[in-house]
Amino acid sequence: MTLARIHYQWGYDKMVLNNIKEIVKTVIGKRSLQSETIKEMTYWLHNLEFLIIKVMMFAIGIHHLYVYTMKTMF
């Protein structure tokens, strides 16, 4: 599955990809990890974690709605 296809299906991969790119740029740009760099990376990873959790909760909700609809309709 390509990145473009995931974006078409879910629409959240661009934000995830941007966060990961920022983390990689920060680590590569600053060879030695300073406390500010670690704080920035922690902030980005925290945002990424919440984004993933939101997407998972949305997917679970849609799945339960689908199952409920199929059980009541058929």
PDB file of N, CA and C in Angstrom:
ATOM      1  N   MET A   1       0.853  -1.170   0.000  1.00  0.00           N
ATOM      2  CA  MET A   1       0.000   0.000   0.000  1.00  0.00           C
ATOM      3  C   MET A   1       0.901   1.237   0.000  1.00  0.00           C
ATOM      4  N   THR A   2       0.691   2.124  -0.944  1.00  0.00           N
ATOM      5  CA  THR A   2       1.541   3.300  -1.054  1.00  0.00           C
ATOM      6  C   THR A   2       1.073   4.392  -0.109  1.00  0.00           C
ATOM      7  N   LEU A   3       1.955   5.363   0.101  1.00  0.00           N
ATOM      8  CA  LEU A   3       1.639   6.476   0.988  1.00  0.00           C
ATOM      9  C   LEU A   3       0.464   7.288   0.452  1.00  0.00           C
ATOM     10  N   ALA A   4       0.404   7.480  -0.878  1.00  0.00           N
ATOM     11  CA  ALA A   4      -0.697   8.237  -1.466  1.00  0.00           C
ATOM     12  C   ALA A   4      -2.025   7.521  -1.239  1.00  0.00           C
ATOM     13  N   ARG A   5      -2.020   6.200  -1.320  1.00  0.00           N
ATOM     14  CA  ARG A   5      -3.249   5.444  -1.112  1.00  0.00           C
ATOM     15  C   ARG A   5      -3.713   5.539   0.340  1.00  0.00           C
ATOM     16  N   ILE A   6      -2.764   5.478   1.275  1.00  0.00           N
ATOM     17  CA  ILE A   6      -3.127   5.629   2.685  1.00  0.00           C
ATOM     18  C   ILE A   6      -3.726   7.008   2.911  1.00  0.00           C
ATOM     19  N   HIS A   7      -3.107   8.042   2.315  1.00  0.00           N
ATOM     20  CA  HIS A   7      -3.632   9.403   2.476  1.00  0.00           C
ATOM     21  C   HIS A   7      -5.045   9.497   1.919  1.00  0.00           C
ATOM     22  N   TYR A   8      -5.274   8.866   0.793  1.00  0.00           N
ATOM     23  CA  TYR A   8      -6.603   8.892   0.201  1.00  0.00           C
ATOM     24  C   TYR A   8      -7.606   8.195   1.107  1.00  0.00           C
ATOM     25  N   GLN A   9      -7.200   7.087   1.710  1.00  0.00           N
ATOM     26  CA  GLN A   9      -8.130   6.319   2.532  1.00  0.00           C
ATOM     27  C   GLN A   9      -8.355   6.949   3.892  1.00  0.00           C
ATOM     28  N   TRP A  10      -7.311   7.443   4.530  1.00  0.00           N
ATOM     29  CA  TRP A  10      -7.427   7.866   5.926  1.00  0.00           C
ATOM     30  C   TRP A  10      -7.290   9.368   6.111  1.00  0.00           C
ATOM     31  N   GLY A  11      -6.385  10.012   5.361  1.00  0.00           N
ATOM     32  CA  GLY A  11      -6.236  11.448   5.469  1.00  0.00           C
ATOM     33  C   GLY A  11      -5.415  11.924   6.646  1.00  0.00           C
ATOM     34  N   TYR A  12      -4.784  11.044   7.379  1.00  0.00           N
ATOM     35  CA  TYR A  12      -4.004  11.462   8.536  1.00  0.00           C
ATOM     36  C   TYR A  12      -2.515  11.219   8.356  1.00  0.00           C
ATOM     37  N   ASP A  13      -2.117  10.542   7.308  1.00  0.00           N
ATOM     38  CA  ASP A  13      -0.710  10.169   7.156  1.00  0.00           C
ATOM     39  C   ASP A  13       0.185  11.367   6.920  1.00  0.00           C
ATOM     40  N   LYS A  14      -0.343  12.426   6.321  1.00  0.00           N
ATOM     41  CA  LYS A  14       0.483  13.597   6.047  1.00  0.00           C
ATOM     42  C   LYS A  14       0.959  14.230   7.349  1.00  0.00           C
ATOM     43  N   MET A  15       0.069  14.321   8.329  1.00  0.00           N
ATOM     44  CA  MET A  15       0.453  14.900   9.606  1.00  0.00           C
ATOM     45  C   MET A  15       1.465  14.008  10.322  1.00  0.00           C
ATOM     46  N   VAL A  16       1.244  12.706  10.287  1.00  0.00           N
ATOM     47  CA  VAL A  16       2.173  11.762  10.912  1.00  0.00           C
ATOM     48  C   VAL A  16       3.533  11.849  10.228  1.00  0.00           C
ATOM     49  N   LEU A  17       3.535  11.871   8.908  1.00  0.00           N
ATOM     50  CA  LEU A  17       4.780  11.940   8.152  1.00  0.00           C
ATOM     51  C   LEU A  17       5.533  13.229   8.449  1.00  0.00           C
ATOM     52  N   ASN A  18       4.813  14.347   8.548  1.00  0.00           N
ATOM     53  CA  ASN A  18       5.460  15.619   8.871  1.00  0.00           C
ATOM     54  C   ASN A  18       6.091  15.581  10.254  1.00  0.00           C
ATOM     55  N   ASN A  19       5.398  15.006  11.228  1.00  0.00           N
ATOM     56  CA  ASN A  19       5.961  14.911  12.574  1.00  0.00           C
ATOM     57  C   ASN A  19       7.215  14.052  12.586  1.00  0.00           C
ATOM     58  N   ILE A  20       7.184  12.932  11.887  1.00  0.00           N
ATOM     59  CA  ILE A  20       8.359  12.056  11.843  1.00  0.00           C
ATOM     60  C   ILE A  20       9.517  12.749  11.131  1.00  0.00           C
ATOM     61  N   LYS A  21       9.229  13.468  10.041  1.00  0.00           N
ATOM     62  CA  LYS A  21      10.284  14.197   9.333  1.00  0.00           C
ATOM     63  C   LYS A  21      10.913  15.259  10.227  1.00  0.00           C
ATOM     64  N   GLU A  22      10.095  15.968  11.001  1.00  0.00           N
ATOM     65  CA  GLU A  22      10.624  16.982  11.909  1.00  0.00           C
ATOM     66  C   GLU A  22      11.530  16.361  12.960  1.00  0.00           C
ATOM     67  N   ILE A  23      11.144  15.209  13.483  1.00  0.00           N
ATOM     68  CA  ILE A  23      11.975  14.524  14.481  1.00  0.00           C
ATOM     69  C   ILE A  23      13.312  14.128  13.869  1.00  0.00           C
ATOM     70  N   VAL A  24      13.268  13.569  12.661  1.00  0.00           N
ATOM     71  CA  VAL A  24      14.506  13.147  11.994  1.00  0.00           C
ATOM     72  C   VAL A  24      15.386  14.352  11.687  1.00  0.00           C
ATOM     73  N   LYS A  25      14.802  15.455  11.194  1.00  0.00           N
ATOM     74  CA  LYS A  25      15.580  16.663  10.910  1.00  0.00           C
ATOM     75  C   LYS A  25      16.244  17.191  12.172  1.00  0.00           C
ATOM     76  N   THR A  26      15.511  17.178  13.271  1.00  0.00           N
ATOM     77  CA  THR A  26      16.062  17.676  14.531  1.00  0.00           C
ATOM     78  C   THR A  26      17.235  16.832  14.988  1.00  0.00           C
ATOM     79  N   VAL A  27      17.077  15.524  14.916  1.00  0.00           N
ATOM     80  CA  VAL A  27      18.151  14.629  15.364  1.00  0.00           C
ATOM     81  C   VAL A  27      19.363  14.736  14.452  1.00  0.00           C
ATOM     82  N   ILE A  28      19.151  14.783  13.135  1.00  0.00           N
ATOM     83  CA  ILE A  28      20.266  14.870  12.190  1.00  0.00           C
ATOM     84  C   ILE A  28      20.921  16.248  12.264  1.00  0.00           C
ATOM     85  N   GLY A  29      20.119  17.294  12.385  1.00  0.00           N
ATOM     86  CA  GLY A  29      20.645  18.658  12.420  1.00  0.00           C
ATOM     87  C   GLY A  29      21.479  18.942  13.650  1.00  0.00           C
ATOM     88  N   LYS A  30      21.125  18.389  14.753  1.00  0.00           N
ATOM     89  CA  LYS A  30      21.859  18.598  16.003  1.00  0.00           C
ATOM     90  C   LYS A  30      22.471  17.261  16.394  1.00  0.00           C
ATOM     91  N   ARG A  31      23.729  17.118  16.125  1.00  0.00           N
ATOM     92  CA  ARG A  31      24.404  15.832  16.347  1.00  0.00           C
ATOM     93  C   ARG A  31      24.376  15.428  17.818  1.00  0.00           C
ATOM     94  N   SER A  32      24.529  16.392  18.698  1.00  0.00           N
ATOM     95  CA  SER A  32      24.469  16.067  20.128  1.00  0.00           C
ATOM     96  C   SER A  32      23.087  16.436  20.648  1.00  0.00           C
ATOM     97  N   LEU A  33      22.506  15.544  21.379  1.00  0.00           N
ATOM     98  CA  LEU A  33      21.168  15.790  21.905  1.00  0.00           C
ATOM     99  C   LEU A  33      21.255  16.679  23.137  1.00  0.00           C
ATOM    100  N   GLN A  34      20.653  17.832  23.037  1.00  0.00           N
ATOM    101  CA  GLN A  34      20.604  18.755  24.164  1.00  0.00           C
ATOM    102  C   GLN A  34      19.238  18.634  24.809  1.00  0.00           C
ATOM    103  N   SER A  35      19.089  19.234  25.965  1.00  0.00           N
ATOM    104  CA  SER A  35      17.817  19.114  26.682  1.00  0.00           C
ATOM    105  C   SER A  35      16.669  19.728  25.886  1.00  0.00           C
ATOM    106  N   GLU A  36      16.936  20.831  25.175  1.00  0.00           N
ATOM    107  CA  GLU A  36      15.883  21.458  24.363  1.00  0.00           C
ATOM    108  C   GLU A  36      15.448  20.533  23.230  1.00  0.00           C
ATOM    109  N   THR A  37      16.398  19.862  22.619  1.00  0.00           N
ATOM    110  CA  THR A  37      16.085  18.928  21.537  1.00  0.00           C
ATOM    111  C   THR A  37      15.236  17.781  22.057  1.00  0.00           C
ATOM    112  N   ILE A  38      15.599  17.272  23.208  1.00  0.00           N
ATOM    113  CA  ILE A  38      14.827  16.175  23.799  1.00  0.00           C
ATOM    114  C   ILE A  38      13.416  16.638  24.135  1.00  0.00           C
ATOM    115  N   LYS A  39      13.281  17.865  24.633  1.00  0.00           N
ATOM    116  CA  LYS A  39      11.952  18.409  24.948  1.00  0.00           C
ATOM    117  C   LYS A  39      11.109  18.540  23.680  1.00  0.00           C
ATOM    118  N   GLU A  40      11.730  19.038  22.600  1.00  0.00           N
ATOM    119  CA  GLU A  40      11.003  19.183  21.334  1.00  0.00           C
ATOM    120  C   GLU A  40      10.558  17.824  20.803  1.00  0.00           C
ATOM    121  N   MET A  41      11.456  16.853  20.840  1.00  0.00           N
ATOM    122  CA  MET A  41      11.112  15.518  20.351  1.00  0.00           C
ATOM    123  C   MET A  41      10.004  14.895  21.191  1.00  0.00           C
ATOM    124  N   THR A  42      10.065  15.099  22.493  1.00  0.00           N
ATOM    125  CA  THR A  42       9.019  14.578  23.376  1.00  0.00           C
ATOM    126  C   THR A  42       7.680  15.212  23.051  1.00  0.00           C
ATOM    127  N   TYR A  43       7.678  16.515  22.791  1.00  0.00           N
ATOM    128  CA  TYR A  43       6.443  17.220  22.439  1.00  0.00           C
ATOM    129  C   TYR A  43       5.869  16.668  21.139  1.00  0.00           C
ATOM    130  N   TRP A  44       6.708  16.481  20.127  1.00  0.00           N
ATOM    131  CA  TRP A  44       6.232  15.960  18.840  1.00  0.00           C
ATOM    132  C   TRP A  44       5.703  14.535  18.980  1.00  0.00           C
ATOM    133  N   LEU A  45       6.431  13.709  19.716  1.00  0.00           N
ATOM    134  CA  LEU A  45       5.985  12.324  19.903  1.00  0.00           C
ATOM    135  C   LEU A  45       4.684  12.256  20.692  1.00  0.00           C
ATOM    136  N   HIS A  46       4.523  13.162  21.648  1.00  0.00           N
ATOM    137  CA  HIS A  46       3.285  13.214  22.427  1.00  0.00           C
ATOM    138  C   HIS A  46       2.107  13.555  21.513  1.00  0.00           C
ATOM    139  N   ASN A  47       2.288  14.545  20.639  1.00  0.00           N
ATOM    140  CA  ASN A  47       1.234  14.905  19.686  1.00  0.00           C
ATOM    141  C   ASN A  47       0.942  13.759  18.727  1.00  0.00           C
ATOM    142  N   LEU A  48       1.980  13.082  18.283  1.00  0.00           N
ATOM    143  CA  LEU A  48       1.812  11.947  17.381  1.00  0.00           C
ATOM    144  C   LEU A  48       1.046  10.821  18.062  1.00  0.00           C
ATOM    145  N   GLU A  49       1.353  10.586  19.332  1.00  0.00           N
ATOM    146  CA  GLU A  49       0.650   9.544  20.087  1.00  0.00           C
ATOM    147  C   GLU A  49      -0.846   9.846  20.170  1.00  0.00           C
ATOM    148  N   PHE A  50      -1.204  11.095  20.501  1.00  0.00           N
ATOM    149  CA  PHE A  50      -2.616  11.442  20.598  1.00  0.00           C
ATOM    150  C   PHE A  50      -3.316  11.359  19.248  1.00  0.00           C
ATOM    151  N   LEU A  51      -2.620  11.729  18.176  1.00  0.00           N
ATOM    152  CA  LEU A  51      -3.210  11.618  16.844  1.00  0.00           C
ATOM    153  C   LEU A  51      -3.520  10.165  16.516  1.00  0.00           C
ATOM    154  N   ILE A  52      -2.589   9.280  16.807  1.00  0.00           N
ATOM    155  CA  ILE A  52      -2.795   7.860  16.520  1.00  0.00           C
ATOM    156  C   ILE A  52      -3.935   7.300  17.358  1.00  0.00           C
ATOM    157  N   ILE A  53      -3.999   7.694  18.625  1.00  0.00           N
ATOM    158  CA  ILE A  53      -5.083   7.219  19.493  1.00  0.00           C
ATOM    159  C   ILE A  53      -6.432   7.703  18.973  1.00  0.00           C
ATOM    160  N   LYS A  54      -6.507   8.963  18.539  1.00  0.00           N
ATOM    161  CA  LYS A  54      -7.765   9.495  17.999  1.00  0.00           C
ATOM    162  C   LYS A  54      -8.199   8.722  16.756  1.00  0.00           C
ATOM    163  N   VAL A  55      -7.258   8.424  15.877  1.00  0.00           N
ATOM    164  CA  VAL A  55      -7.579   7.682  14.657  1.00  0.00           C
ATOM    165  C   VAL A  55      -8.056   6.279  15.001  1.00  0.00           C
ATOM    166  N   MET A  56      -7.393   5.640  15.962  1.00  0.00           N
ATOM    167  CA  MET A  56      -7.807   4.292  16.364  1.00  0.00           C
ATOM    168  C   MET A  56      -9.207   4.307  16.976  1.00  0.00           C
ATOM    169  N   MET A  57      -9.496   5.275  17.818  1.00  0.00           N
ATOM    170  CA  MET A  57     -10.820   5.361  18.435  1.00  0.00           C
ATOM    171  C   MET A  57     -11.893   5.614  17.370  1.00  0.00           C
ATOM    172  N   PHE A  58     -11.572   6.449  16.379  1.00  0.00           N
ATOM    173  CA  PHE A  58     -12.507   6.704  15.290  1.00  0.00           C
ATOM    174  C   PHE A  58     -12.778   5.421  14.510  1.00  0.00           C
ATOM    175  N   ALA A  59     -11.718   4.666  14.216  1.00  0.00           N
ATOM    176  CA  ALA A  59     -11.874   3.415  13.465  1.00  0.00           C
ATOM    177  C   ALA A  59     -12.700   2.400  14.249  1.00  0.00           C
ATOM    178  N   ILE A  60     -12.467   2.309  15.551  1.00  0.00           N
ATOM    179  CA  ILE A  60     -13.253   1.385  16.381  1.00  0.00           C
ATOM    180  C   ILE A  60     -14.713   1.806  16.406  1.00  0.00           C
ATOM    181  N   GLY A  61     -14.967   3.099  16.508  1.00  0.00           N
ATOM    182  CA  GLY A  61     -16.342   3.600  16.497  1.00  0.00           C
ATOM    183  C   GLY A  61     -17.053   3.287  15.195  1.00  0.00           C
ATOM    184  N   ILE A  62     -16.371   3.496  14.078  1.00  0.00           N
ATOM    185  CA  ILE A  62     -16.958   3.192  12.768  1.00  0.00           C
ATOM    186  C   ILE A  62     -17.234   1.694  12.653  1.00  0.00           C
ATOM    187  N   HIS A  63     -16.315   0.866  13.139  1.00  0.00           N
ATOM    188  CA  HIS A  63     -16.509  -0.583  13.086  1.00  0.00           C
ATOM    189  C   HIS A  63     -17.745  -0.990  13.889  1.00  0.00           C
ATOM    190  N   HIS A  64     -17.886  -0.451  15.094  1.00  0.00           N
ATOM    191  CA  HIS A  64     -19.042  -0.799  15.917  1.00  0.00           C
ATOM    192  C   HIS A  64     -20.349  -0.310  15.287  1.00  0.00           C
ATOM    193  N   LEU A  65     -20.305   0.862  14.666  1.00  0.00           N
ATOM    194  CA  LEU A  65     -21.490   1.373  13.976  1.00  0.00           C
ATOM    195  C   LEU A  65     -21.863   0.459  12.814  1.00  0.00           C
ATOM    196  N   TYR A  66     -20.868  -0.012  12.073  1.00  0.00           N
ATOM    197  CA  TYR A  66     -21.110  -0.926  10.958  1.00  0.00           C
ATOM    198  C   TYR A  66     -21.720  -2.236  11.457  1.00  0.00           C
ATOM    199  N   VAL A  67     -21.146  -2.810  12.523  1.00  0.00           N
ATOM    200  CA  VAL A  67     -21.654  -4.075  13.063  1.00  0.00           C
ATOM    201  C   VAL A  67     -23.078  -3.899  13.564  1.00  0.00           C
ATOM    202  N   TYR A  68     -23.351  -2.810  14.270  1.00  0.00           N
ATOM    203  CA  TYR A  68     -24.698  -2.552  14.781  1.00  0.00           C
ATOM    204  C   TYR A  68     -25.692  -2.415  13.629  1.00  0.00           C
ATOM    205  N   THR A  69     -25.291  -1.693  12.585  1.00  0.00           N
ATOM    206  CA  THR A  69     -26.174  -1.496  11.429  1.00  0.00           C
ATOM    207  C   THR A  69     -26.457  -2.823  10.734  1.00  0.00           C
ATOM    208  N   MET A  70     -25.449  -3.645  10.558  1.00  0.00           N
ATOM    209  CA  MET A  70     -25.647  -4.933   9.900  1.00  0.00           C
ATOM    210  C   MET A  70     -26.547  -5.849  10.729  1.00  0.00           C
ATOM    211  N   LYS A  71     -26.406  -5.824  12.037  1.00  0.00           N
ATOM    212  CA  LYS A  71     -27.238  -6.680  12.886  1.00  0.00           C
ATOM    213  C   LYS A  71     -28.691  -6.221  12.893  1.00  0.00           C
ATOM    214  N   THR A  72     -28.928  -4.929  12.876  1.00  0.00           N
ATOM    215  CA  THR A  72     -30.307  -4.437  12.924  1.00  0.00           C
ATOM    216  C   THR A  72     -30.990  -4.485  11.566  1.00  0.00           C
ATOM    217  N   MET A  73     -30.224  -4.351  10.492  1.00  0.00           N
ATOM    218  CA  MET A  73     -30.828  -4.338   9.159  1.00  0.00           C
ATOM    219  C   MET A  73     -31.094  -5.752   8.649  1.00  0.00           C
ATOM    220  N   PHE A  74     -30.241  -6.699   9.001  1.00  0.00           N
ATOM    221  CA  PHE A  74     -30.373  -8.042   8.431  1.00  0.00           C
ATOM    222  C   PHE A  74     -30.658  -9.015   9.492  1.00  0.00           C
TER     223      PHE A  74
END
